[in-house]
Protein backbone atom coordinates (compact mmCIF):
# COMPACT_ATOMS: atom_id res chain seq x y z
CA UNK A 1 30.42 64.53 71.72
CA UNK A 2 32.11 66.01 68.64
CA UNK A 3 35.85 65.39 69.19
CA UNK A 4 36.83 68.57 67.41
CA UNK A 5 34.46 70.58 69.62
CA UNK A 6 36.04 69.07 72.75
CA UNK A 7 39.55 69.88 71.50
CA UNK A 8 38.68 73.49 70.74
CA UNK A 9 36.79 73.91 74.02
CA UNK A 10 39.78 72.69 76.02
CA UNK A 11 42.15 74.99 74.16
CA UNK A 12 39.83 77.97 74.53
CA UNK A 13 39.44 77.46 78.28
CA UNK A 14 43.18 76.90 78.72
CA UNK A 15 43.93 80.26 77.09
CA UNK A 16 42.35 81.97 80.13
CA UNK A 17 44.84 80.43 82.54
CA UNK A 18 44.58 78.09 85.48
CA UNK A 19 42.30 80.30 87.59
CA UNK A 20 39.85 83.20 87.40
CA UNK A 21 41.24 85.39 90.16
CA UNK A 22 38.50 88.01 89.75
CA UNK A 23 35.71 85.52 90.39
CA UNK A 24 37.71 83.98 93.23
CA UNK A 25 37.67 87.29 95.11
CA UNK A 26 34.21 88.48 94.05
CA UNK A 27 31.99 85.41 94.22
CA UNK A 28 31.36 83.21 97.30
CA UNK A 29 32.26 79.55 97.06
CA UNK A 30 29.25 77.43 96.10
CA UNK A 31 27.33 80.27 94.46
CA UNK A 32 25.10 79.01 91.68
CA UNK A 33 23.43 80.96 88.92
CA UNK A 34 21.60 80.90 85.64
CA UNK A 35 21.96 82.88 82.43
CA UNK A 36 20.41 83.35 79.00
CA UNK A 37 22.24 83.31 75.67
CA UNK A 38 20.90 86.24 73.66
CA UNK A 39 21.50 86.55 69.91
CA UNK A 40 21.29 90.33 69.74
CA UNK A 41 21.80 90.80 66.00
CA UNK A 42 19.77 87.76 65.04
CA UNK A 43 20.60 85.49 62.14
CA UNK A 44 21.44 81.81 61.76
CA UNK A 45 22.11 79.80 64.90
CA UNK A 46 25.39 77.86 64.72
CA UNK A 47 28.16 76.54 66.96
CA UNK A 48 25.88 74.67 69.34
CA UNK A 49 28.13 71.61 69.67
CA UNK A 50 31.10 73.84 70.41
CA UNK A 51 29.22 75.82 73.05
CA UNK A 52 28.08 72.59 74.69
CA UNK A 53 31.67 71.35 74.73
CA UNK A 54 32.81 74.51 76.53
CA UNK A 55 30.11 74.03 79.15
CA UNK A 56 31.00 70.39 79.67
CA UNK A 57 34.73 71.05 79.87
CA UNK A 58 34.03 73.78 82.44
CA UNK A 59 32.22 71.22 84.60
CA UNK A 60 28.70 72.38 83.72
CA UNK A 61 25.66 70.85 82.07
CA UNK A 62 25.25 71.52 78.32
CA UNK A 63 23.19 74.47 77.14
CA UNK A 64 19.42 74.06 77.15
CA UNK A 65 18.87 75.18 73.58
CA UNK A 66 15.72 77.08 72.65
CA UNK A 67 16.74 77.17 68.96
CA UNK A 68 18.41 74.54 66.83
CA UNK A 69 21.55 74.62 64.69
CA UNK A 70 20.60 76.25 61.39
CA UNK A 71 17.49 78.03 62.70
CA UNK A 72 16.99 81.64 61.66
CA UNK A 73 16.03 83.85 64.60
CA UNK A 74 15.22 87.52 65.00
CA UNK A 75 17.20 90.17 66.82
CA UNK A 76 17.40 89.82 70.61
CA UNK A 77 16.23 86.20 70.53
CA UNK A 78 17.10 84.06 73.54
CA UNK A 79 18.55 80.94 71.93
CA UNK A 80 19.65 79.04 75.03
CA UNK A 81 19.79 78.89 78.80
CA UNK A 82 22.57 77.75 81.12
CA UNK A 83 22.73 77.10 84.85
CA UNK A 84 25.19 75.83 87.42
CA UNK A 85 28.16 76.91 89.50
CA UNK A 86 28.45 80.67 89.02
CA UNK A 87 32.25 80.77 88.92
CA UNK A 88 32.25 78.06 86.28
CA UNK A 89 29.61 79.93 84.27
CA UNK A 90 31.69 83.08 84.26
CA UNK A 91 34.80 81.13 83.29
CA UNK A 92 32.93 79.53 80.39
CA UNK A 93 31.34 82.80 79.28
CA UNK A 94 34.01 84.28 77.00
CA UNK A 95 35.14 81.05 75.26
CA UNK A 96 31.49 80.09 74.69
CA UNK A 97 30.61 83.49 73.27
CA UNK A 98 33.75 83.72 71.11
CA UNK A 99 32.83 80.46 69.41
CA UNK A 100 29.14 81.30 69.05
CA UNK A 101 29.88 84.76 67.67
CA UNK A 102 32.19 83.40 65.00
CA UNK A 103 29.89 80.49 64.14
CA UNK A 104 26.73 82.58 63.86
CA UNK A 105 28.53 85.20 61.77
CA UNK A 106 29.72 82.58 59.28
CA UNK A 107 26.35 80.83 59.16
CA UNK A 108 24.44 84.07 58.68
CA UNK A 109 26.73 85.23 55.86
CA UNK A 110 26.44 81.83 54.20
CA UNK A 111 22.65 81.94 54.33
CA UNK A 112 22.69 85.28 52.52
CA UNK A 113 24.61 83.70 49.63
CA UNK A 114 22.40 80.60 49.64
CA UNK A 115 19.32 82.80 49.46
CA UNK A 116 20.86 84.82 46.63
CA UNK A 117 21.17 81.72 44.40
CA UNK A 118 17.84 80.22 45.46
CA UNK A 119 15.96 78.59 42.59
CA UNK A 120 19.13 77.65 40.69
CA UNK A 121 21.17 74.46 40.86
CA UNK A 122 24.17 76.36 42.20
CA UNK A 123 25.50 75.46 45.65
CA UNK A 124 27.62 77.59 47.98
CA UNK A 125 30.95 76.15 49.15
CA UNK A 126 33.43 77.03 51.87
CA UNK A 127 37.19 77.08 51.20
CA UNK A 128 40.28 76.21 53.24
CA UNK A 129 40.65 79.91 54.14
CA UNK A 130 39.67 79.14 57.71
CA UNK A 131 41.09 80.30 61.05
CA UNK A 132 44.03 78.05 62.06
CA UNK A 133 42.78 75.40 64.46
CA UNK A 134 39.12 76.31 63.88
CA UNK A 135 38.47 74.64 60.54
CA UNK A 136 35.93 72.21 62.00
CA UNK A 137 33.94 75.06 63.56
CA UNK A 138 34.15 77.19 60.43
CA UNK A 139 32.99 74.43 58.10
CA UNK A 140 30.19 73.33 60.44
CA UNK A 141 29.00 76.92 60.49
CA UNK A 142 28.91 77.13 56.68
CA UNK A 143 26.84 73.94 56.64
CA UNK A 144 24.49 75.37 59.28
CA UNK A 145 23.95 78.33 56.96
CA UNK A 146 22.91 76.05 54.12
CA UNK A 147 26.28 75.77 52.40
CA UNK A 148 27.76 72.58 50.95
CA UNK A 149 30.85 70.63 51.96
CA UNK A 150 34.00 71.27 49.91
CA UNK A 151 37.37 69.62 50.47
CA UNK A 152 38.39 69.86 54.12
CA UNK A 153 42.07 68.95 53.78
CA UNK A 154 44.73 67.99 51.24
CA UNK A 155 44.60 64.23 51.74
CA UNK A 156 41.72 62.96 49.63
CA UNK A 157 40.70 65.44 46.93
CA UNK A 158 43.05 66.33 44.09
CA UNK A 159 43.02 70.03 43.22
CA UNK A 160 45.48 71.06 40.52
CA UNK A 161 45.97 74.83 40.71
CA UNK A 162 48.20 77.38 38.99
CA UNK A 163 51.38 76.46 40.87
CA UNK A 164 50.83 72.79 40.07
CA UNK A 165 50.29 73.59 36.39
CA UNK A 166 53.57 75.53 36.39
CA UNK A 167 55.50 72.61 37.87
CA UNK A 168 53.97 70.20 35.36
CA UNK A 169 55.21 72.41 32.56
CA UNK A 170 58.71 72.67 34.10
CA UNK A 171 58.87 68.88 34.39
CA UNK A 172 57.31 68.31 30.95
CA UNK A 173 54.59 66.16 32.49
CA UNK A 174 51.04 65.74 31.23
CA UNK A 175 47.95 66.44 33.33
CA UNK A 176 46.50 63.09 32.24
CA UNK A 177 49.50 61.36 33.83
CA UNK A 178 49.08 62.96 37.25
CA UNK A 179 45.31 62.48 37.36
CA UNK A 180 45.80 58.81 36.52
CA UNK A 181 48.33 58.55 39.34
CA UNK A 182 45.81 60.14 41.70
CA UNK A 183 43.18 57.59 40.73
CA UNK A 184 45.62 54.79 41.52
CA UNK A 185 46.04 56.33 44.98
CA UNK A 186 42.27 56.15 45.48
CA UNK A 187 41.23 59.70 44.61
CA UNK A 188 37.89 59.97 42.86
CA UNK A 189 37.40 63.74 43.08
CA UNK A 190 39.77 65.30 40.55
CA UNK A 191 39.48 69.09 40.52
CA UNK A 192 41.48 71.23 38.12
CA UNK A 193 41.74 75.02 38.05
CA UNK A 194 41.74 76.42 34.53
CA UNK A 195 42.83 79.85 33.33
CA UNK A 196 42.41 79.39 29.57
CA UNK A 197 40.45 77.38 27.02
CA UNK A 198 43.61 75.40 26.30
CA UNK A 199 43.83 74.30 29.94
CA UNK A 200 40.11 73.59 29.92
CA UNK A 201 40.42 71.28 26.91
CA UNK A 202 43.39 69.49 28.48
CA UNK A 203 41.62 69.06 31.83
CA UNK A 204 38.53 67.58 30.20
CA UNK A 205 40.62 65.18 28.13
CA UNK A 206 42.60 64.16 31.22
CA UNK A 207 39.47 63.11 33.12
CA UNK A 208 38.97 65.99 35.54
CA UNK A 209 35.70 65.69 37.44
CA UNK A 210 35.40 69.40 38.21
CA UNK A 211 36.80 72.58 36.71
CA UNK A 212 37.57 75.59 38.92
CA UNK A 213 37.10 78.74 36.88
CA UNK A 214 39.02 81.33 38.89
CA UNK A 215 38.60 85.10 38.70
CA UNK A 216 36.58 85.09 35.49
CA UNK A 217 33.40 86.97 34.64
CA UNK A 218 29.99 85.26 34.62
CA UNK A 219 30.00 85.54 30.83
CA UNK A 220 33.28 83.64 30.64
CA UNK A 221 32.01 81.02 33.09
CA UNK A 222 29.03 80.47 30.80
CA UNK A 223 31.15 80.10 27.66
CA UNK A 224 33.74 77.86 29.31
CA UNK A 225 31.07 75.79 31.02
CA UNK A 226 29.36 75.15 27.70
CA UNK A 227 32.65 74.08 26.13
CA UNK A 228 33.55 71.82 29.07
CA UNK A 229 30.18 70.06 29.11
CA UNK A 230 30.40 69.47 25.38
CA UNK A 231 33.72 67.68 25.92
CA UNK A 232 32.77 65.98 29.19
CA UNK A 233 29.00 66.01 29.86
CA UNK A 234 29.25 64.99 33.54
CA UNK A 235 31.88 67.54 34.51
CA UNK A 236 31.11 70.05 37.26
CA UNK A 237 31.83 73.78 37.05
CA UNK A 238 32.94 75.74 40.10
CA UNK A 239 33.29 79.51 39.94
CA UNK A 240 35.71 80.98 42.43
CA UNK A 241 37.50 84.24 43.10
CA UNK A 242 35.94 87.68 43.43
CA UNK A 243 32.44 86.41 44.13
CA UNK A 244 30.26 88.72 46.22
CA UNK A 245 26.62 88.99 47.19
CA UNK A 246 26.23 91.52 44.39
CA UNK A 247 27.37 89.14 41.64
CA UNK A 248 26.83 85.60 42.94
CA UNK A 249 23.44 85.28 41.25
CA UNK A 250 25.02 86.11 37.91
CA UNK A 251 27.46 83.21 38.34
CA UNK A 252 24.61 80.88 39.24
CA UNK A 253 22.59 82.00 36.22
CA UNK A 254 25.69 81.49 34.06
CA UNK A 255 25.55 77.78 34.86
CA UNK A 256 28.03 77.37 37.70
CA UNK A 257 27.26 74.22 39.70
CA UNK A 258 29.19 75.63 42.65
CA UNK A 259 30.55 78.92 43.91
CA UNK A 260 33.34 78.85 46.50
CA UNK A 261 33.68 81.91 48.70
CA UNK A 262 36.68 82.43 50.96
CA UNK A 263 35.15 85.52 52.59
CA UNK A 264 32.64 83.35 54.43
CA UNK A 265 35.40 82.32 56.80
CA UNK A 266 38.40 84.62 56.29
CA UNK A 267 36.44 87.87 56.60
CA UNK A 268 33.64 86.88 58.94
CA UNK A 269 31.66 89.59 60.75
CA UNK A 270 30.89 88.07 64.14
CA UNK A 271 27.34 87.81 65.34
CA UNK A 272 26.50 89.75 68.49
CA UNK A 273 25.82 87.07 71.08
CA UNK A 274 25.71 87.79 74.82
CA UNK A 275 25.41 85.81 78.05
CA UNK A 276 23.02 87.59 80.38
CA UNK A 277 23.42 86.33 83.95
CA UNK A 278 20.20 86.59 85.93
CA UNK A 279 20.41 89.28 88.59
CA UNK A 280 19.23 88.06 91.98
CA UNK A 281 18.83 84.54 90.61
CA UNK A 282 21.78 82.85 92.26
CA UNK A 283 22.05 81.05 95.53
CA UNK A 284 24.95 80.15 97.81
CA UNK A 285 25.56 76.58 98.92
CA UNK A 286 22.03 75.38 98.23
CA UNK A 287 22.96 72.71 95.71
CA UNK A 288 19.94 73.68 93.62
CA UNK A 289 19.55 75.76 90.53
């Protein structure tokens, strides 16, 4: 099972304490039950591995999924079924739903952006603006929505941004020098944020593999992209900053290879997902479901 999913499941269950005192006093020992996972708002299914990890860590069988990761379902769709010890089901309920709600919200928002740039070469990227401790879930949810993998940490991909540029100037160092040093350390993805045509020219000459054009208009992205590809035909152009559903198509039409959108994960609107426990469908001490 996904190691990150297991880690998050354990932490989520631990947050609820060592016991569920309400279930201890309300539910007979040995009671078993079954429940449906209902996606009330509908959208893109995501977070399945994480939900399964919660079930397993709670001592239950994984979800019996009726929809797959990345499927688009309508409102009030039943996307999965669970069964087992009723106390364990109720203990798993909130952590399972918290993860599914966040995951489906991210995936559904991502799909809207992916659909908006359909027919172009532009791909939708996540950022590192993820919830602390939940980066694996957040990124997996973007991918479920049709997005594309961006850098997931600081260890392998070079990304020279405004603060780095400032320090290079203070130290009188050249961009070419630091990108060469990165190559010697094994980095092959060399991304550079540019805020002017002068920086663009320097980045292309230094061997950048991708330019991040931050907080510029689609018209500027088009002009700068044309200039960059003239200097370095294989270079990639990523538009970032201030990109919304209303303007993302304009950036794609302007020639951006990628758009990166922090709002997919830092401003997620959770999907409405519920666990509906079957009434009158549980037994005590039978050992059957």
